[in-house]
C-alpha cells in the first residue's frame, strides 16, 4: 500500500528515493480514450483523402515509370501531412483545455473528482498523442519543435532525443544535453497525491545517463548532473559544478576539474610509452 502524504508535508526536502519513480502519473478514462482515438481519426482523415485522390489520378497514367516515381512523392507528402496535422490538432485541443481549466503547479489528490488532477490527465493524453508521433520522426529536432508548440522553453541546439522528459512546466536552457535514459520530471506521484512543480535547467547543462531530475529542481548554468544521480524535490544545483549521488550532492567545481586536468599522462598506443601532455581550452 502506498504511503499517504498530506499537502502540508515539506516537499522541498522530500527524498524521492523512498518512493517509486513513475512517469505514468495519469489515469485513462472513457472520455480520454475517446479524445485520443478521435485525434488519431481526424489526423488520418486528410492524408487518406490525398491517397485516394492520388490513386485515381496516377493509375490512369500510361507511363509506368511515372507511377513509380510519383508514389514515393505522395508517400512523403502523406507522412508530412499526418505529423503536421497531429501537431496542429493537438495544439488546438490543448488551447481549449487551458481555456476550460488553467494548468497550475501544486499538490493534488489523485482523484478524478479533483479538477486539477483530472485536467492534468486530459493534457497528458493529448500530449502523448503528439509526442508518440513526433518522437518517431526522422530528425531529432522534431521533438524540440513539439516541445515549443506545447509551451515548453527549449532551443533547437539542445540534445533531448536520448532522454525522457515530462511535457509541461519545464524550461530548458540553451545547449542542454540529456544522456541516455535520463529522466526529467515536473510531475510525479508522491503517496496518494500528484505533485506538479516547474523544473528550470540553465544553459550548457549536461544530465548524465539514467539520471533523474525531480520536480521543482533548478540547475544552474554549466552544471553537470552525473550518471545515475537523483535530485530531490525543489533542489537547487549551483552553477558550474558537478553533482553526483542519490540524492545528488556537490562533488567538484568545473574550474577545479579543468585545473586538475591540465596536467595529464597519455599512453602512446604503438609503443606503450607514457608521456605527459598539457590540456587547454582555446
Protein backbone atom coordinates (compact mmCIF):
# COMPACT_ATOMS: atom_id res chain seq x y z
CA UNK A 1 0.00 0.00 0.00
CA UNK A 2 1.36 3.42 -0.95
CA UNK A 3 2.39 5.82 1.81
CA UNK A 4 -0.07 8.65 2.32
CA UNK A 5 1.12 12.21 2.33
CA UNK A 6 -0.60 15.40 3.37
CA UNK A 7 -0.25 18.66 1.40
CA UNK A 8 1.42 20.26 4.42
CA UNK A 9 4.43 17.92 4.14
CA UNK A 10 7.73 19.72 3.47
CA UNK A 11 8.28 18.80 -0.16
CA UNK A 12 11.46 20.84 -0.52
CA UNK A 13 13.48 18.23 1.40
CA UNK A 14 11.47 15.15 0.41
CA UNK A 15 13.77 12.31 -0.67
CA UNK A 16 12.20 10.78 -3.78
CA UNK A 17 14.36 7.66 -3.45
CA UNK A 18 11.80 6.49 -0.86
CA UNK A 19 9.05 6.49 -3.49
CA UNK A 20 8.57 4.60 -6.77
CA UNK A 21 9.75 6.72 -9.70
CA UNK A 22 6.95 6.82 -12.24
CA UNK A 23 6.32 8.68 -15.47
CA UNK A 24 2.79 7.32 -15.68
CA UNK A 25 1.09 9.72 -13.26
CA UNK A 26 -2.27 9.84 -15.03
CA UNK A 27 -5.36 7.67 -15.39
CA UNK A 28 -7.17 6.76 -18.59
CA UNK A 29 -10.91 7.47 -18.52
CA UNK A 30 -13.53 6.71 -21.21
CA UNK A 31 -13.52 10.41 -22.18
CA UNK A 32 -9.74 10.49 -22.55
CA UNK A 33 -9.74 7.30 -24.62
CA UNK A 34 -12.42 8.84 -26.84
CA UNK A 35 -10.37 12.05 -27.31
CA UNK A 36 -7.23 10.04 -28.06
CA UNK A 37 -8.97 7.92 -30.71
CA UNK A 38 -10.74 10.94 -32.18
CA UNK A 39 -7.43 12.80 -32.58
CA UNK A 40 -5.99 9.84 -34.48
CA UNK A 41 -9.07 9.58 -36.70
CA UNK A 42 -9.08 13.30 -37.55
CA UNK A 43 -5.34 13.28 -38.20
CA UNK A 44 -5.67 10.37 -40.65
CA UNK A 45 -8.66 11.86 -42.45
CA UNK A 46 -6.92 14.35 -44.76
CA UNK A 47 -3.90 12.13 -45.66
CA UNK A 48 -6.35 9.34 -46.52
CA UNK A 49 -8.17 11.69 -48.87
CA UNK A 50 -4.81 12.55 -50.51
CA UNK A 51 -4.02 8.88 -51.04
CA UNK A 52 -7.38 8.11 -52.62
CA UNK A 53 -7.09 11.12 -54.93
CA UNK A 54 -3.54 10.16 -55.88
CA UNK A 55 -4.54 6.58 -56.68
CA UNK A 56 -7.35 7.54 -59.05
CA UNK A 57 -5.20 10.12 -60.89
CA UNK A 58 -1.89 8.30 -61.20
CA UNK A 59 -3.31 4.90 -62.06
CA UNK A 60 -4.78 6.50 -65.18
CA UNK A 61 -1.31 7.37 -66.48
CA UNK A 62 0.16 5.24 -69.26
CA UNK A 63 3.78 5.58 -68.19
CA UNK A 64 4.79 3.01 -65.59
CA UNK A 65 7.90 4.96 -64.53
CA UNK A 66 5.76 7.99 -63.79
CA UNK A 67 3.61 5.89 -61.46
CA UNK A 68 6.64 4.54 -59.59
CA UNK A 69 8.24 7.99 -59.28
CA UNK A 70 5.15 9.80 -58.02
CA UNK A 71 4.17 7.16 -55.48
CA UNK A 72 7.28 8.00 -53.43
CA UNK A 73 6.45 11.69 -53.55
CA UNK A 74 2.91 11.01 -52.39
CA UNK A 75 4.02 8.75 -49.54
CA UNK A 76 6.35 11.50 -48.26
CA UNK A 77 3.58 14.08 -48.62
CA UNK A 78 1.14 11.81 -46.74
CA UNK A 79 3.64 11.30 -43.90
CA UNK A 80 4.35 15.02 -43.66
CA UNK A 81 0.66 15.96 -43.61
CA UNK A 82 -0.02 13.28 -40.99
CA UNK A 83 2.57 14.50 -38.45
CA UNK A 84 1.73 18.16 -39.14
CA UNK A 85 -1.98 17.61 -38.55
CA UNK A 86 -1.18 15.70 -35.35
CA UNK A 87 0.66 18.74 -34.01
CA UNK A 88 -1.97 21.27 -35.13
CA UNK A 89 -4.95 19.32 -33.81
CA UNK A 90 -3.15 18.52 -30.57
CA UNK A 91 -2.33 22.20 -30.06
CA UNK A 92 -5.97 23.20 -30.66
CA UNK A 93 -7.15 20.73 -28.02
CA UNK A 94 -4.51 21.97 -25.56
CA UNK A 95 -5.68 25.57 -26.06
CA UNK A 96 -9.29 24.51 -25.41
CA UNK A 97 -8.31 22.61 -22.26
CA UNK A 98 -6.35 25.63 -21.00
CA UNK A 99 -9.40 27.86 -21.54
CA UNK A 100 -11.65 25.43 -19.66
CA UNK A 101 -9.25 24.87 -16.74
CA UNK A 102 -5.92 26.64 -16.38
CA UNK A 103 -2.95 24.39 -15.67
CA UNK A 104 -1.03 25.11 -12.47
CA UNK A 105 1.60 23.79 -10.10
CA UNK A 106 0.73 22.19 -6.77
CA UNK A 107 -0.01 19.03 -4.85
CA UNK A 108 -3.28 17.44 -5.93
CA UNK A 109 -5.24 14.45 -4.71
CA UNK A 110 -5.17 11.51 -7.12
CA UNK A 111 -8.90 11.51 -7.66
CA UNK A 112 -10.87 12.06 -10.85
CA UNK A 113 -13.13 14.39 -8.86
CA UNK A 114 -10.17 16.73 -8.34
CA UNK A 115 -10.34 19.07 -11.36
CA UNK A 116 -6.61 19.87 -11.28
CA UNK A 117 -5.74 16.18 -11.45
CA UNK A 118 -8.48 15.41 -13.99
CA UNK A 119 -7.39 18.12 -16.44
CA UNK A 120 -3.75 17.18 -15.92
CA UNK A 121 -4.71 13.72 -17.19
CA UNK A 122 -6.53 15.31 -20.13
CA UNK A 123 -3.47 17.39 -21.09
CA UNK A 124 -1.16 14.38 -20.81
CA UNK A 125 -3.50 12.35 -23.03
CA UNK A 126 -3.28 14.95 -25.81
CA UNK A 127 0.48 15.40 -25.40
CA UNK A 128 1.11 11.66 -25.51
CA UNK A 129 -0.75 11.63 -28.81
CA UNK A 130 1.56 14.38 -30.14
CA UNK A 131 4.86 13.04 -28.86
CA UNK A 132 4.29 9.38 -29.70
CA UNK A 133 4.03 10.53 -33.31
CA UNK A 134 6.76 13.20 -33.34
CA UNK A 135 9.33 11.16 -31.42
CA UNK A 136 9.36 8.71 -34.34
CA UNK A 137 10.14 11.41 -36.89
CA UNK A 138 13.49 11.00 -38.66
CA UNK A 139 15.01 14.27 -37.38
CA UNK A 140 15.95 14.64 -33.66
CA UNK A 141 14.99 18.34 -33.63
CA UNK A 142 11.37 17.37 -34.27
CA UNK A 143 10.83 16.68 -30.56
CA UNK A 144 12.24 20.13 -29.75
CA UNK A 145 9.68 21.71 -32.09
CA UNK A 146 6.88 19.75 -30.44
CA UNK A 147 8.12 20.93 -27.03
CA UNK A 148 7.94 24.54 -28.21
CA UNK A 149 4.40 24.11 -29.51
CA UNK A 150 3.43 22.64 -26.12
CA UNK A 151 4.62 25.81 -24.32
CA UNK A 152 7.97 24.49 -23.12
CA UNK A 153 11.11 26.60 -23.33
CA UNK A 154 13.75 24.82 -25.42
CA UNK A 155 16.12 25.61 -28.29
CA UNK A 156 16.94 23.51 -31.34
CA UNK A 157 20.58 23.03 -30.30
CA UNK A 158 19.63 21.04 -27.21
CA UNK A 159 20.01 17.25 -27.43
CA UNK A 160 16.94 15.74 -25.81
CA UNK A 161 16.38 12.73 -28.05
CA UNK A 162 18.15 10.14 -25.85
CA UNK A 163 16.35 11.02 -22.61
CA UNK A 164 12.75 11.23 -21.42
CA UNK A 165 11.05 14.41 -20.31
CA UNK A 166 7.67 15.46 -18.99
CA UNK A 167 5.82 17.71 -21.40
CA UNK A 168 4.88 20.75 -19.29
CA UNK A 169 6.30 23.04 -16.59
CA UNK A 170 9.89 22.58 -17.78
CA UNK A 171 12.30 25.24 -19.03
CA UNK A 172 15.40 24.01 -20.85
CA UNK A 173 18.31 26.41 -21.32
CA UNK A 174 20.49 26.66 -24.39
CA UNK A 175 22.59 23.66 -25.46
CA UNK A 176 21.14 21.27 -22.89
CA UNK A 177 22.18 17.64 -23.25
CA UNK A 178 20.26 14.65 -21.87
CA UNK A 179 22.20 11.42 -21.53
CA UNK A 180 20.85 8.01 -22.48
CA UNK A 181 17.93 7.13 -20.22
CA UNK A 182 17.92 10.43 -18.31
CA UNK A 183 14.51 11.43 -16.91
CA UNK A 184 13.23 14.98 -16.31
CA UNK A 185 10.13 15.06 -14.10
CA UNK A 186 7.93 18.07 -13.48
CA UNK A 187 5.24 15.77 -12.09
CA UNK A 188 5.29 12.58 -10.09
CA UNK A 189 3.15 10.54 -7.73
CA UNK A 190 4.03 11.06 -4.07
CA UNK A 191 1.96 8.72 -1.93
CA UNK A 192 -1.68 9.34 -2.85
CA UNK A 193 -1.06 12.79 -4.34
CA UNK A 194 0.17 14.13 -7.66
CA UNK A 195 2.91 16.74 -7.42
CA UNK A 196 3.40 19.27 -10.23
CA UNK A 197 6.31 21.70 -9.90
CA UNK A 198 8.29 23.56 -12.56
CA UNK A 199 11.82 22.43 -13.43
CA UNK A 200 14.33 25.05 -14.62
CA UNK A 201 17.53 23.93 -16.35
CA UNK A 202 20.19 26.53 -17.19
CA UNK A 203 22.32 26.94 -20.29
CA UNK A 204 25.00 24.36 -21.19
CA UNK A 205 23.78 21.80 -18.65
CA UNK A 206 24.58 18.10 -19.03
CA UNK A 207 22.28 15.48 -17.49
CA UNK A 208 24.11 12.16 -17.26
CA UNK A 209 22.78 8.82 -18.38
CA UNK A 210 19.94 7.40 -16.24
CA UNK A 211 19.96 10.48 -14.01
CA UNK A 212 16.63 11.64 -12.55
CA UNK A 213 15.67 15.28 -12.15
CA UNK A 214 12.82 15.62 -9.62
CA UNK A 215 10.00 18.19 -9.84
CA UNK A 216 10.97 21.68 -8.74
CA UNK A 217 14.69 21.21 -9.42
CA UNK A 218 16.67 24.26 -10.52
CA UNK A 219 20.00 23.56 -12.23
CA UNK A 220 22.43 26.44 -12.71
CA UNK A 221 24.33 27.28 -15.88
CA UNK A 222 27.18 24.98 -16.89
CA UNK A 223 26.40 22.31 -14.28
CA UNK A 224 26.69 18.57 -14.83
CA UNK A 225 24.47 16.01 -13.09
CA UNK A 226 26.36 12.74 -13.03
CA UNK A 227 25.32 9.30 -14.24
CA UNK A 228 22.59 7.69 -12.08
CA UNK A 229 22.36 10.81 -9.91
CA UNK A 230 18.97 11.84 -8.47
CA UNK A 231 17.88 15.26 -7.26
CA UNK A 232 15.33 15.75 -4.51
CA UNK A 233 12.19 17.81 -4.94
CA UNK A 234 12.95 21.53 -5.14
CA UNK A 235 16.73 21.03 -5.03
CA UNK A 236 18.89 23.89 -6.32
CA UNK A 237 22.14 22.93 -8.07
CA UNK A 238 24.71 25.72 -8.20
CA UNK A 239 26.17 26.87 -11.50
CA UNK A 240 29.41 25.34 -12.83
CA UNK A 241 29.52 22.34 -10.51
CA UNK A 242 29.47 18.57 -10.90
CA UNK A 243 26.83 16.76 -8.82
CA UNK A 244 26.75 13.02 -8.16
CA UNK A 245 24.89 10.54 -5.97
CA UNK A 246 21.37 9.69 -4.86
CA UNK A 247 20.28 12.24 -3.73
CA UNK A 248 22.64 14.49 -5.71
CA UNK A 249 25.41 16.23 -3.78
CA UNK A 250 28.14 18.64 -4.82
CA UNK A 251 31.27 16.81 -6.00
CA UNK A 252 33.63 19.26 -7.69
CA UNK A 253 33.57 22.63 -9.40
CA UNK A 254 34.06 22.76 -13.14
CA UNK A 255 37.01 25.14 -12.61
CA UNK A 256 38.82 22.71 -10.28
CA UNK A 257 38.17 19.87 -12.69
CA UNK A 258 39.73 21.82 -15.53
CA UNK A 259 42.76 22.80 -13.45
CA UNK A 260 43.38 19.20 -12.39
CA UNK A 261 43.03 18.09 -15.99
CA UNK A 262 45.67 20.42 -17.38
CA UNK A 263 48.48 18.02 -16.42
CA UNK A 264 47.79 14.55 -17.67
CA UNK A 265 49.59 11.45 -18.85
CA UNK A 266 48.73 9.67 -22.04
CA UNK A 267 49.97 6.37 -23.45
CA UNK A 268 51.37 6.02 -26.98
CA UNK A 269 49.39 3.19 -28.49
CA UNK A 270 52.15 1.77 -30.71
CA UNK A 271 54.99 1.81 -28.16
CA UNK A 272 53.16 1.80 -24.81
CA UNK A 273 55.28 4.77 -23.70
CA UNK A 274 53.59 7.10 -21.16
CA UNK A 275 54.17 10.82 -21.69
CA UNK A 276 52.80 13.97 -20.09
CA UNK A 277 50.72 16.39 -22.10
CA UNK A 278 49.07 19.70 -21.37
CA UNK A 279 45.35 20.18 -21.90
CA UNK A 280 44.00 23.64 -22.59
CA UNK A 281 40.83 25.20 -23.98
CA UNK A 282 41.12 27.83 -26.68
